[in-house]
C-alpha atoms as a PDB file:
ATOM      1  CA  SER A   1      -6.207 -36.036 -44.633  1.00  0.00           C
ATOM      2  CA  ILE A   2      -9.419 -38.046 -45.196  1.00  0.00           C
ATOM      3  CA  GLU A   3     -12.016 -36.203 -47.208  1.00  0.00           C
ATOM      4  CA  VAL A   4     -13.185 -38.241 -50.213  1.00  0.00           C
ATOM      5  CA  GLY A   5     -16.293 -40.270 -49.371  1.00  0.00           C
ATOM      6  CA  HIS A   6     -16.544 -39.023 -45.782  1.00  0.00           C
ATOM      7  CA  PRO A   7     -18.758 -36.124 -44.659  1.00  0.00           C
ATOM      8  CA  LEU A   8     -16.223 -34.960 -42.063  1.00  0.00           C
ATOM      9  CA  ARG A   9     -12.838 -33.418 -42.706  1.00  0.00           C
ATOM     10  CA  ILE A  10     -10.469 -35.720 -40.841  1.00  0.00           C
ATOM     11  CA  GLN A  11      -6.701 -35.742 -40.489  1.00  0.00           C
ATOM     12  CA  ILE A  12      -4.491 -38.479 -39.042  1.00  0.00           C
ATOM     13  CA  GLY A  13      -0.846 -37.822 -38.262  1.00  0.00           C
ATOM     14  CA  ASN A  14       1.396 -36.427 -35.554  1.00  0.00           C
ATOM     15  CA  SER A  15       0.519 -33.560 -33.235  1.00  0.00           C
ATOM     16  CA  LEU A  16       2.867 -30.661 -32.561  1.00  0.00           C
ATOM     17  CA  THR A  17       4.234 -32.660 -29.637  1.00  0.00           C
ATOM     18  CA  GLY A  18       4.964 -35.636 -31.874  1.00  0.00           C
ATOM     19  CA  GLN A  19       2.118 -37.811 -30.581  1.00  0.00           C
ATOM     20  CA  LYS A  20      -0.117 -39.833 -32.913  1.00  0.00           C
ATOM     21  CA  SER A  21      -3.291 -37.858 -33.413  1.00  0.00           C
ATOM     22  CA  LEU A  22      -6.724 -37.954 -35.060  1.00  0.00           C
ATOM     23  CA  VAL A  23      -8.226 -34.502 -35.729  1.00  0.00           C
ATOM     24  CA  ILE A  24     -11.736 -33.641 -36.915  1.00  0.00           C
ATOM     25  CA  MET A  25     -11.900 -30.128 -38.335  1.00  0.00           C
ATOM     26  CA  ASN A  26     -14.589 -27.454 -37.886  1.00  0.00           C
ATOM     27  CA  THR A  27     -16.562 -29.193 -35.142  1.00  0.00           C
ATOM     28  CA  GLY A  28     -17.662 -26.232 -33.082  1.00  0.00           C
ATOM     29  CA  ILE A  29     -17.610 -26.373 -29.291  1.00  0.00           C
ATOM     30  CA  ILE A  30     -18.062 -29.889 -27.856  1.00  0.00           C
ATOM     31  CA  ASP A  31     -18.622 -30.427 -24.140  1.00  0.00           C
ATOM     32  CA  ASN A  32     -17.546 -33.321 -21.929  1.00  0.00           C
ATOM     33  CA  ILE A  33     -15.380 -35.440 -24.231  1.00  0.00           C
ATOM     34  CA  PRO A  34     -13.730 -37.920 -21.849  1.00  0.00           C
ATOM     35  CA  SER A  35     -10.060 -38.788 -21.949  1.00  0.00           C
ATOM     36  CA  SER A  36      -8.735 -42.217 -20.959  1.00  0.00           C
ATOM     37  CA  TYR A  37      -5.546 -43.828 -19.728  1.00  0.00           C
ATOM     38  CA  SER A  38      -4.258 -44.060 -23.282  1.00  0.00           C
ATOM     39  CA  ILE A  39      -5.982 -41.251 -25.212  1.00  0.00           C
ATOM     40  CA  LYS A  40      -6.330 -37.541 -24.519  1.00  0.00           C
ATOM     41  CA  ALA A  41      -9.427 -35.935 -26.037  1.00  0.00           C
ATOM     42  CA  SER A  42      -9.585 -32.158 -26.482  1.00  0.00           C
ATOM     43  CA  ASN A  43     -11.570 -29.494 -28.333  1.00  0.00           C
ATOM     44  CA  PRO A  44      -9.127 -26.614 -28.921  1.00  0.00           C
ATOM     45  CA  LYS A  45      -9.842 -23.355 -30.715  1.00  0.00           C
ATOM     46  CA  LEU A  46      -7.542 -22.568 -33.641  1.00  0.00           C
ATOM     47  CA  LYS A  47      -6.119 -19.168 -34.515  1.00  0.00           C
ATOM     48  CA  ASN A  48      -8.691 -18.765 -37.290  1.00  0.00           C
ATOM     49  CA  GLY A  49     -11.503 -19.058 -34.723  1.00  0.00           C
ATOM     50  CA  SER A  50     -12.648 -22.561 -35.652  1.00  0.00           C
ATOM     51  CA  TYR A  51     -12.751 -25.508 -33.246  1.00  0.00           C
ATOM     52  CA  VAL A  52     -11.376 -28.998 -33.814  1.00  0.00           C
ATOM     53  CA  LEU A  53     -11.835 -32.292 -31.997  1.00  0.00           C
ATOM     54  CA  GLU A  54      -8.518 -34.019 -31.342  1.00  0.00           C
ATOM     55  CA  PHE A  55      -7.778 -37.514 -30.064  1.00  0.00           C
ATOM     56  CA  GLN A  56      -4.133 -37.835 -29.096  1.00  0.00           C
ATOM     57  CA  LEU A  57      -2.362 -41.088 -28.214  1.00  0.00           C
ATOM     58  CA  ILE A  58      -0.571 -40.815 -24.875  1.00  0.00           C
ATOM     59  CA  HIS A  59       1.186 -44.198 -24.693  1.00  0.00           C
ATOM     60  CA  ASN A  60       3.008 -45.188 -27.880  1.00  0.00           C
ATOM     61  CA  SER A  61       2.920 -48.859 -26.879  1.00  0.00           C
ATOM     62  CA  LEU A  62      -0.784 -48.785 -27.809  1.00  0.00           C
ATOM     63  CA  GLU A  63      -0.238 -47.449 -31.316  1.00  0.00           C
ATOM     64  CA  ASP A  64      -1.909 -50.443 -33.001  1.00  0.00           C
ATOM     65  CA  THR A  65      -4.913 -50.059 -30.722  1.00  0.00           C
ATOM     66  CA  PHE A  66      -5.128 -46.354 -31.519  1.00  0.00           C
ATOM     67  CA  TYR A  67      -5.152 -46.954 -35.266  1.00  0.00           C
ATOM     68  CA  ARG A  68      -7.872 -49.590 -34.885  1.00  0.00           C
ATOM     69  CA  LEU A  69      -9.953 -47.111 -32.909  1.00  0.00           C
ATOM     70  CA  CYS A  70      -9.432 -44.389 -35.527  1.00  0.00           C
ATOM     71  CA  TRP A  71     -10.350 -46.704 -38.386  1.00  0.00           C
ATOM     72  CA  ASP A  72     -13.470 -47.871 -36.556  1.00  0.00           C
ATOM     73  CA  MET A  73     -14.656 -44.345 -35.719  1.00  0.00           C
ATOM     74  CA  ILE A  74     -14.126 -43.186 -39.300  1.00  0.00           C
ATOM     75  CA  ASP A  75     -15.850 -46.213 -40.799  1.00  0.00           C
ATOM     76  CA  TYR A  76     -18.760 -46.120 -38.351  1.00  0.00           C
ATOM     77  CA  SER A  77     -19.489 -42.421 -38.820  1.00  0.00           C
ATOM     78  CA  ALA A  78     -19.149 -42.356 -42.621  1.00  0.00           C
ATOM     79  CA  GLN A  79     -22.744 -43.373 -43.357  1.00  0.00           C
ATOM     80  CA  SER A  80     -24.438 -41.669 -40.424  1.00  0.00           C
ATOM     81  CA  LYS A  81     -26.890 -38.805 -40.838  1.00  0.00           C
ATOM     82  CA  GLU A  82     -25.079 -37.152 -37.919  1.00  0.00           C
ATOM     83  CA  PRO A  83     -21.471 -38.196 -38.542  1.00  0.00           C
ATOM     84  CA  LEU A  84     -19.864 -36.122 -35.777  1.00  0.00           C
ATOM     85  CA  VAL A  85     -22.317 -37.432 -33.170  1.00  0.00           C
ATOM     86  CA  ALA A  86     -21.768 -40.976 -34.424  1.00  0.00           C
ATOM     87  CA  LEU A  87     -17.994 -40.590 -34.255  1.00  0.00           C
ATOM     88  CA  ILE A  88     -18.102 -39.255 -30.691  1.00  0.00           C
ATOM     89  CA  ASN A  89     -20.493 -42.009 -29.574  1.00  0.00           C
ATOM     90  CA  ARG A  90     -18.209 -44.597 -31.122  1.00  0.00           C
ATOM     91  CA  TYR A  91     -15.238 -43.164 -29.259  1.00  0.00           C
ATOM     92  CA  ILE A  92     -17.124 -43.262 -25.960  1.00  0.00           C
ATOM     93  CA  SER A  93     -18.119 -46.881 -26.581  1.00  0.00           C
ATOM     94  CA  TRP A  94     -14.423 -47.756 -26.766  1.00  0.00           C
ATOM     95  CA  GLN A  95     -13.642 -46.322 -23.344  1.00  0.00           C
ATOM     96  CA  LYS A  96     -14.560 -49.392 -21.334  1.00  0.00           C
ATOM     97  CA  MET A  97     -12.499 -51.609 -23.591  1.00  0.00           C
ATOM     98  CA  LEU A  98      -9.505 -49.281 -23.444  1.00  0.00           C
ATOM     99  CA  LYS A  99      -9.633 -49.324 -19.643  1.00  0.00           C
ATOM    100  CA  GLN A 100      -9.524 -53.121 -19.757  1.00  0.00           C
ATOM    101  CA  ILE A 101      -6.710 -53.278 -22.315  1.00  0.00           C
ATOM    102  CA  ASN A 102      -4.323 -55.087 -19.982  1.00  0.00           C
ATOM    103  CA  LYS A 103      -6.763 -57.895 -19.191  1.00  0.00           C
ATOM    104  CA  LYS A 104      -5.675 -59.888 -22.202  1.00  0.00           C
ATOM    105  CA  VAL A 105      -6.575 -63.550 -21.727  1.00  0.00           C
ATOM    106  CA  LEU A 106     -10.156 -64.518 -22.523  1.00  0.00           C
ATOM    107  CA  SER A 107     -11.833 -66.747 -19.959  1.00  0.00           C
ATOM    108  CA  PHE A 108     -12.613 -70.334 -20.914  1.00  0.00           C
ATOM    109  CA  GLU A 109     -16.300 -69.507 -21.398  1.00  0.00           C
ATOM    110  CA  SER A 110     -15.438 -66.451 -23.501  1.00  0.00           C
ATOM    111  CA  GLN A 111     -13.176 -68.594 -25.662  1.00  0.00           C
ATOM    112  CA  LYS A 112     -16.027 -71.044 -26.239  1.00  0.00           C
ATOM    113  CA  GLY A 113     -18.416 -68.208 -26.989  1.00  0.00           C
ATOM    114  CA  LEU A 114     -16.086 -66.628 -29.521  1.00  0.00           C
ATOM    115  CA  LEU A 115     -15.388 -69.996 -31.115  1.00  0.00           C
ATOM    116  CA  GLY A 116     -19.111 -70.593 -31.631  1.00  0.00           C
ATOM    117  CA  GLU A 117     -19.571 -67.182 -33.226  1.00  0.00           C
ATOM    118  CA  LEU A 118     -16.570 -67.741 -35.525  1.00  0.00           C
ATOM    119  CA  LEU A 119     -17.880 -71.139 -36.639  1.00  0.00           C
ATOM    120  CA  TYR A 120     -21.238 -69.564 -37.447  1.00  0.00           C
ATOM    121  CA  LEU A 121     -19.560 -66.636 -39.213  1.00  0.00           C
ATOM    122  CA  GLU A 122     -17.571 -69.004 -41.397  1.00  0.00           C
ATOM    123  CA  MET A 123     -20.704 -71.012 -42.193  1.00  0.00           C
ATOM    124  CA  ILE A 124     -22.550 -67.998 -43.651  1.00  0.00           C
ATOM    125  CA  PHE A 125     -19.673 -66.795 -45.867  1.00  0.00           C
ATOM    126  CA  ASP A 126     -20.908 -68.683 -48.945  1.00  0.00           C
ATOM    127  CA  GLU A 127     -24.518 -67.623 -48.495  1.00  0.00           C
ATOM    128  CA  MET A 128     -23.971 -63.924 -47.748  1.00  0.00           C
ATOM    129  CA  GLY A 129     -20.505 -63.150 -49.011  1.00  0.00           C
ATOM    130  CA  ILE A 130     -17.533 -62.526 -46.753  1.00  0.00           C
ATOM    131  CA  LEU A 131     -17.770 -58.764 -46.237  1.00  0.00           C
ATOM    132  CA  GLU A 132     -21.526 -58.750 -45.631  1.00  0.00           C
ATOM    133  CA  SER A 133     -21.145 -61.641 -43.195  1.00  0.00           C
ATOM    134  CA  LEU A 134     -18.522 -59.704 -41.261  1.00  0.00           C
ATOM    135  CA  LYS A 135     -20.710 -56.599 -41.168  1.00  0.00           C
ATOM    136  CA  SER A 136     -23.596 -58.670 -39.793  1.00  0.00           C
ATOM    137  CA  TRP A 137     -21.415 -59.947 -36.922  1.00  0.00           C
ATOM    138  CA  MET A 138     -22.487 -57.433 -34.284  1.00  0.00           C
ATOM    139  CA  GLY A 139     -21.680 -59.253 -31.048  1.00  0.00           C
ATOM    140  CA  PRO A 140     -18.211 -57.688 -30.671  1.00  0.00           C
ATOM    141  CA  ASP A 141     -19.788 -54.246 -31.090  1.00  0.00           C
ATOM    142  CA  GLY A 142     -21.997 -54.743 -28.037  1.00  0.00           C
ATOM    143  CA  SER A 143     -25.233 -55.656 -29.805  1.00  0.00           C
ATOM    144  CA  ASP A 144     -27.832 -57.709 -27.942  1.00  0.00           C
ATOM    145  CA  GLN A 145     -27.759 -60.301 -30.744  1.00  0.00           C
ATOM    146  CA  ASP A 146     -24.572 -61.806 -32.180  1.00  0.00           C
ATOM    147  CA  PHE A 147     -25.614 -61.465 -35.842  1.00  0.00           C
ATOM    148  CA  ILE A 148     -28.105 -59.003 -37.285  1.00  0.00           C
ATOM    149  CA  PHE A 149     -29.343 -59.272 -40.877  1.00  0.00           C
ATOM    150  CA  LYS A 150     -31.804 -57.166 -42.881  1.00  0.00           C
ATOM    151  CA  SER A 151     -34.906 -59.025 -41.739  1.00  0.00           C
ATOM    152  CA  SER A 152     -33.646 -61.605 -39.244  1.00  0.00           C
ATOM    153  CA  TRP A 153     -31.026 -62.218 -36.585  1.00  0.00           C
ATOM    154  CA  THR A 154     -29.095 -65.012 -34.895  1.00  0.00           C
ATOM    155  CA  GLU A 155     -27.948 -65.515 -31.324  1.00  0.00           C
ATOM    156  CA  VAL A 156     -25.160 -68.099 -31.019  1.00  0.00           C
ATOM    157  CA  LYS A 157     -24.724 -70.215 -27.892  1.00  0.00           C
ATOM    158  CA  THR A 158     -22.106 -72.845 -27.073  1.00  0.00           C
ATOM    159  CA  VAL A 159     -22.895 -75.636 -24.623  1.00  0.00           C
ATOM    160  CA  SER A 160     -21.225 -78.832 -23.450  1.00  0.00           C
ATOM    161  CA  ALA A 161     -22.229 -82.145 -25.012  1.00  0.00           C
ATOM    162  CA  ALA A 162     -24.281 -83.154 -21.971  1.00  0.00           C
ATOM    163  CA  ALA A 163     -25.984 -79.784 -21.479  1.00  0.00           C
ATOM    164  CA  GLU A 164     -29.720 -79.871 -20.865  1.00  0.00           C
ATOM    165  CA  THR A 165     -30.225 -76.104 -20.867  1.00  0.00           C
ATOM    166  CA  VAL A 166     -28.999 -73.019 -22.666  1.00  0.00           C
ATOM    167  CA  ARG A 167     -28.409 -69.786 -20.773  1.00  0.00           C
ATOM    168  CA  ILE A 168     -29.934 -66.521 -21.978  1.00  0.00           C
ATOM    169  CA  SER A 169     -28.037 -63.670 -20.384  1.00  0.00           C
ATOM    170  CA  SER A 170     -30.498 -60.772 -20.601  1.00  0.00           C
ATOM    171  CA  LEU A 171     -34.042 -59.662 -21.328  1.00  0.00           C
ATOM    172  CA  GLU A 172     -32.809 -58.135 -24.576  1.00  0.00           C
ATOM    173  CA  GLN A 173     -30.977 -61.132 -26.012  1.00  0.00           C
ATOM    174  CA  LEU A 174     -34.013 -62.758 -27.664  1.00  0.00           C
ATOM    175  CA  ASN A 175     -36.081 -59.590 -27.868  1.00  0.00           C
ATOM    176  CA  GLN A 176     -36.662 -58.735 -31.522  1.00  0.00           C
ATOM    177  CA  THR A 177     -39.851 -58.198 -33.508  1.00  0.00           C
ATOM    178  CA  ASP A 178     -38.384 -60.038 -36.519  1.00  0.00           C
ATOM    179  CA  LYS A 179     -38.119 -63.797 -36.327  1.00  0.00           C
ATOM    180  CA  GLY A 180     -34.646 -65.007 -35.484  1.00  0.00           C
ATOM    181  CA  ILE A 181     -32.507 -68.044 -34.869  1.00  0.00           C
ATOM    182  CA  LEU A 182     -31.044 -69.451 -31.670  1.00  0.00           C
ATOM    183  CA  ALA A 183     -28.023 -71.440 -32.907  1.00  0.00           C
ATOM    184  CA  VAL A 184     -26.667 -73.886 -30.331  1.00  0.00           C
ATOM    185  CA  TYR A 185     -23.199 -75.393 -30.810  1.00  0.00           C
ATOM    186  CA  SER A 186     -22.366 -78.469 -28.719  1.00  0.00           C
ATOM    187  CA  LEU A 187     -18.633 -78.575 -27.989  1.00  0.00           C
ATOM    188  CA  GLU A 188     -16.826 -81.226 -25.974  1.00  0.00           C
ATOM    189  CA  LYS A 189     -13.449 -80.287 -24.523  1.00  0.00           C
ATOM    190  CA  THR A 190     -10.813 -82.802 -25.564  1.00  0.00           C
ATOM    191  CA  ALA A 191      -7.112 -83.194 -26.233  1.00  0.00           C
ATOM    192  CA  PRO A 192      -5.687 -81.362 -29.273  1.00  0.00           C
ATOM    193  CA  GLY A 193      -5.473 -83.476 -32.414  1.00  0.00           C
ATOM    194  CA  LEU A 194      -6.962 -84.164 -35.814  1.00  0.00           C
ATOM    195  CA  ASN A 195     -10.649 -83.413 -36.352  1.00  0.00           C
ATOM    196  CA  ARG A 196     -10.643 -80.969 -33.447  1.00  0.00           C
ATOM    197  CA  VAL A 197     -11.625 -77.317 -33.420  1.00  0.00           C
ATOM    198  CA  SER A 198      -9.850 -74.622 -31.460  1.00  0.00           C
ATOM    199  CA  LEU A 199      -9.998 -70.864 -31.228  1.00  0.00           C
ATOM    200  CA  ASN A 200      -6.603 -70.334 -32.853  1.00  0.00           C
ATOM    201  CA  SER A 201      -7.125 -72.797 -35.708  1.00  0.00           C
ATOM    202  CA  THR A 202     -10.510 -71.267 -36.526  1.00  0.00           C
ATOM    203  CA  VAL A 203      -9.092 -67.733 -36.481  1.00  0.00           C
ATOM    204  CA  ASP A 204      -6.233 -68.852 -38.738  1.00  0.00           C
ATOM    205  CA  ARG A 205      -8.587 -70.599 -41.162  1.00  0.00           C
ATOM    206  CA  ILE A 206     -10.750 -67.486 -41.508  1.00  0.00           C
ATOM    207  CA  ARG A 207      -7.692 -65.257 -41.855  1.00  0.00           C
ATOM    208  CA  ASN A 208      -6.500 -67.460 -44.703  1.00  0.00           C
ATOM    209  CA  LYS A 209      -9.832 -66.998 -46.486  1.00  0.00           C
ATOM    210  CA  LEU A 210      -9.470 -63.219 -46.153  1.00  0.00           C
ATOM    211  CA  LYS A 211      -5.799 -62.888 -47.071  1.00  0.00           C
ATOM    212  CA  ASP A 212      -6.520 -61.407 -50.519  1.00  0.00           C
ATOM    213  CA  ASP A 213      -9.293 -59.069 -49.324  1.00  0.00           C
ATOM    214  CA  GLN A 214      -7.784 -56.277 -47.244  1.00  0.00           C
ATOM    215  CA  LEU A 215     -11.086 -54.573 -46.425  1.00  0.00           C
ATOM    216  CA  SER A 216     -12.621 -57.783 -45.082  1.00  0.00           C
ATOM    217  CA  LYS A 217      -9.400 -58.592 -43.261  1.00  0.00           C
ATOM    218  CA  ASP A 218      -9.479 -55.184 -41.533  1.00  0.00           C
ATOM    219  CA  HIS A 219     -13.108 -55.753 -40.489  1.00  0.00           C
ATOM    220  CA  PHE A 220     -12.278 -59.190 -39.106  1.00  0.00           C
ATOM    221  CA  GLU A 221      -9.217 -58.093 -37.159  1.00  0.00           C
ATOM    222  CA  LEU A 222     -11.110 -55.183 -35.624  1.00  0.00           C
ATOM    223  CA  LYS A 223     -13.952 -57.470 -34.499  1.00  0.00           C
ATOM    224  CA  LEU A 224     -11.454 -59.902 -32.955  1.00  0.00           C
ATOM    225  CA  PHE A 225      -9.754 -57.038 -31.160  1.00  0.00           C
ATOM    226  CA  LYS A 226     -13.040 -55.770 -29.744  1.00  0.00           C
ATOM    227  CA  TYR A 227     -13.892 -59.258 -28.514  1.00  0.00           C
ATOM    228  CA  GLY A 228     -10.581 -59.362 -26.647  1.00  0.00           C
ATOM    229  CA  TYR A 229      -8.626 -61.842 -28.769  1.00  0.00           C
ATOM    230  CA  ARG A 230      -4.886 -61.077 -28.901  1.00  0.00           C
ATOM    231  CA  ASP A 231      -2.295 -62.996 -30.885  1.00  0.00           C
ATOM    232  CA  ASP A 232       0.220 -62.713 -28.069  1.00  0.00           C
ATOM    233  CA  GLU A 233      -2.002 -64.996 -25.968  1.00  0.00           C
ATOM    234  CA  ARG A 234      -2.201 -67.789 -28.562  1.00  0.00           C
ATOM    235  CA  ASP A 235      -0.265 -70.215 -26.360  1.00  0.00           C
ATOM    236  CA  SER A 236      -2.988 -69.984 -23.718  1.00  0.00           C
ATOM    237  CA  TYR A 237      -5.738 -70.613 -26.255  1.00  0.00           C
ATOM    238  CA  ASP A 238      -3.909 -73.622 -27.696  1.00  0.00           C
ATOM    239  CA  LEU A 239      -4.515 -75.397 -24.389  1.00  0.00           C
ATOM    240  CA  ASN A 240      -8.220 -75.725 -25.236  1.00  0.00           C
ATOM    241  CA  ALA A 241      -9.403 -77.929 -28.083  1.00  0.00           C
ATOM    242  CA  PHE A 242     -12.916 -79.184 -28.744  1.00  0.00           C
ATOM    243  CA  ARG A 243     -14.806 -81.831 -30.623  1.00  0.00           C
ATOM    244  CA  LEU A 244     -17.794 -80.365 -32.423  1.00  0.00           C
ATOM    245  CA  ILE A 245     -20.680 -82.630 -31.462  1.00  0.00           C
ATOM    246  CA  GLY A 246     -23.347 -80.856 -33.472  1.00  0.00           C
ATOM    247  CA  ILE A 247     -25.257 -77.705 -34.333  1.00  0.00           C
ATOM    248  CA  LYS A 248     -28.934 -77.154 -33.671  1.00  0.00           C
ATOM    249  CA  ALA A 249     -30.933 -74.139 -34.755  1.00  0.00           C
ATOM    250  CA  TYR A 250     -34.246 -73.060 -33.265  1.00  0.00           C
ATOM    251  CA  GLU A 251     -36.643 -70.535 -34.751  1.00  0.00           C
ATOM    252  CA  VAL A 252     -37.402 -67.770 -32.296  1.00  0.00           C
ATOM    253  CA  ASN A 253     -40.895 -66.561 -33.139  1.00  0.00           C
ATOM    254  CA  GLU A 254     -43.860 -65.190 -31.208  1.00  0.00           C
ATOM    255  CA  SER A 255     -44.487 -68.620 -29.620  1.00  0.00           C
ATOM    256  CA  PHE A 256     -40.903 -69.284 -28.533  1.00  0.00           C
ATOM    257  CA  PRO A 257     -40.478 -69.316 -24.717  1.00  0.00           C
ATOM    258  CA  ARG A 258     -38.483 -66.262 -23.712  1.00  0.00           C
ATOM    259  CA  LEU A 259     -38.389 -63.463 -21.194  1.00  0.00           C
ATOM    260  CA  THR A 260     -38.396 -59.917 -22.535  1.00  0.00           C
ATOM    261  CA  GLN A 261     -39.065 -56.464 -21.128  1.00  0.00           C
ATOM    262  CA  SER A 262     -42.612 -56.689 -22.483  1.00  0.00           C
ATOM    263  CA  ASN A 263     -43.619 -59.866 -20.625  1.00  0.00           C
ATOM    264  CA  VAL A 264     -42.005 -59.454 -17.197  1.00  0.00           C
ATOM    265  CA  PRO A 265     -43.111 -57.071 -14.429  1.00  0.00           C
ATOM    266  CA  SER A 266     -41.779 -53.557 -14.920  1.00  0.00           C
ATOM    267  CA  GLU A 267     -40.062 -53.816 -11.539  1.00  0.00           C
ATOM    268  CA  ILE A 268     -37.677 -56.398 -13.045  1.00  0.00           C
ATOM    269  CA  THR A 269     -35.092 -54.486 -15.034  1.00  0.00           C
ATOM    270  CA  SER A 270     -32.607 -57.273 -15.815  1.00  0.00           C
ATOM    271  CA  CYS A 271     -32.207 -61.016 -15.465  1.00  0.00           C
ATOM    272  CA  SER A 272     -30.645 -64.135 -16.946  1.00  0.00           C
ATOM    273  CA  TYR A 273     -32.428 -67.468 -17.300  1.00  0.00           C
ATOM    274  CA  GLN A 274     -32.100 -71.041 -18.548  1.00  0.00           C
ATOM    275  CA  ILE A 275     -34.153 -72.625 -21.334  1.00  0.00           C
ATOM    276  CA  SER A 276     -34.621 -76.390 -21.437  1.00  0.00           C
ATOM    277  CA  ILE A 277     -33.186 -77.659 -24.725  1.00  0.00           C
ATOM    278  CA  ALA A 278     -35.597 -80.600 -24.822  1.00  0.00           C
ATOM    279  CA  SER A 279     -38.596 -78.294 -24.409  1.00  0.00           C
ATOM    280  CA  ILE A 280     -37.826 -76.258 -27.541  1.00  0.00           C
ATOM    281  CA  GLU A 281     -37.395 -79.229 -29.877  1.00  0.00           C
ATOM    282  CA  LYS A 282     -40.601 -78.289 -31.716  1.00  0.00           C
ATOM    283  CA  PHE A 283     -38.944 -75.020 -32.773  1.00  0.00           C
ATOM    284  CA  ARG A 284     -35.916 -76.791 -34.211  1.00  0.00           C
ATOM    285  CA  ARG A 285     -35.161 -76.128 -37.869  1.00  0.00           C
ATOM    286  CA  SER A 286     -33.814 -78.625 -40.366  1.00  0.00           C
ATOM    287  CA  ASP A 287     -30.072 -78.708 -41.051  1.00  0.00           C
ATOM    288  CA  SER A 288     -30.639 -76.610 -44.189  1.00  0.00           C
ATOM    289  CA  GLY A 289     -32.081 -73.863 -42.031  1.00  0.00           C
ATOM    290  CA  VAL A 290     -29.260 -73.519 -39.536  1.00  0.00           C
ATOM    291  CA  ALA A 291     -28.035 -70.208 -40.923  1.00  0.00           C
ATOM    292  CA  GLY A 292     -31.510 -68.707 -40.743  1.00  0.00           C
ATOM    293  CA  ILE A 293     -30.652 -65.758 -42.987  1.00  0.00           C
END
């Protein structure tokens, strides 16, 4: 039972049928809670007249996934003004990922994207502290920006060494009232060897930094899981190694060229576009300002 420090009364254990289960007590009637391939959601009435919300694992092979989901829902809802609503919304946000659970291997571009975000994450550890850095890493949670801080943000992009443009994937990606940073990592694919960076080696290096901090380790592993990284696909990721050519950071302010919902016709509801790297040189920050926190 989880009660101390959480506004909801929550129990994790086995159901009467022996299945792994997360139960939230005294919820009242809740309509339209979706079930998935791996989790059955229900809102039964108990003998005492109260209602509970139960999430029951259907396939035991996904036990690790289920516990990650439970931990994330509990953690996410703990500080909310409406904890039950927050918990339910968090569960629903997992549905798409749970449906895609068998699509394990990240594409080459996704590997590069994750690698860039991990390199940036590692860079801000000393400045922000490890746990706060991990909490600011919002990309795996579906945020429009990869990192969100108290009064700034950072979007991380990875490009090839010869790239002349950087791709912005939506109208929301650079749409913030606070000034932010566009951090561009230039990576050149090469043969594995010394002075190379890879997805696995970067994950392992960060894990080693977190080995004595269980809370931070749990945060990190959950973010990796949400991104789609699985240890059982490490052999595939070892095939790709990169030479880090450089890092450039650009200040995204009111003058920075970008498309947002406020400056395109209302008939256009979504788009992606390319920004010329040479054209934004005047917005480039010094090396000391790469983090942009």
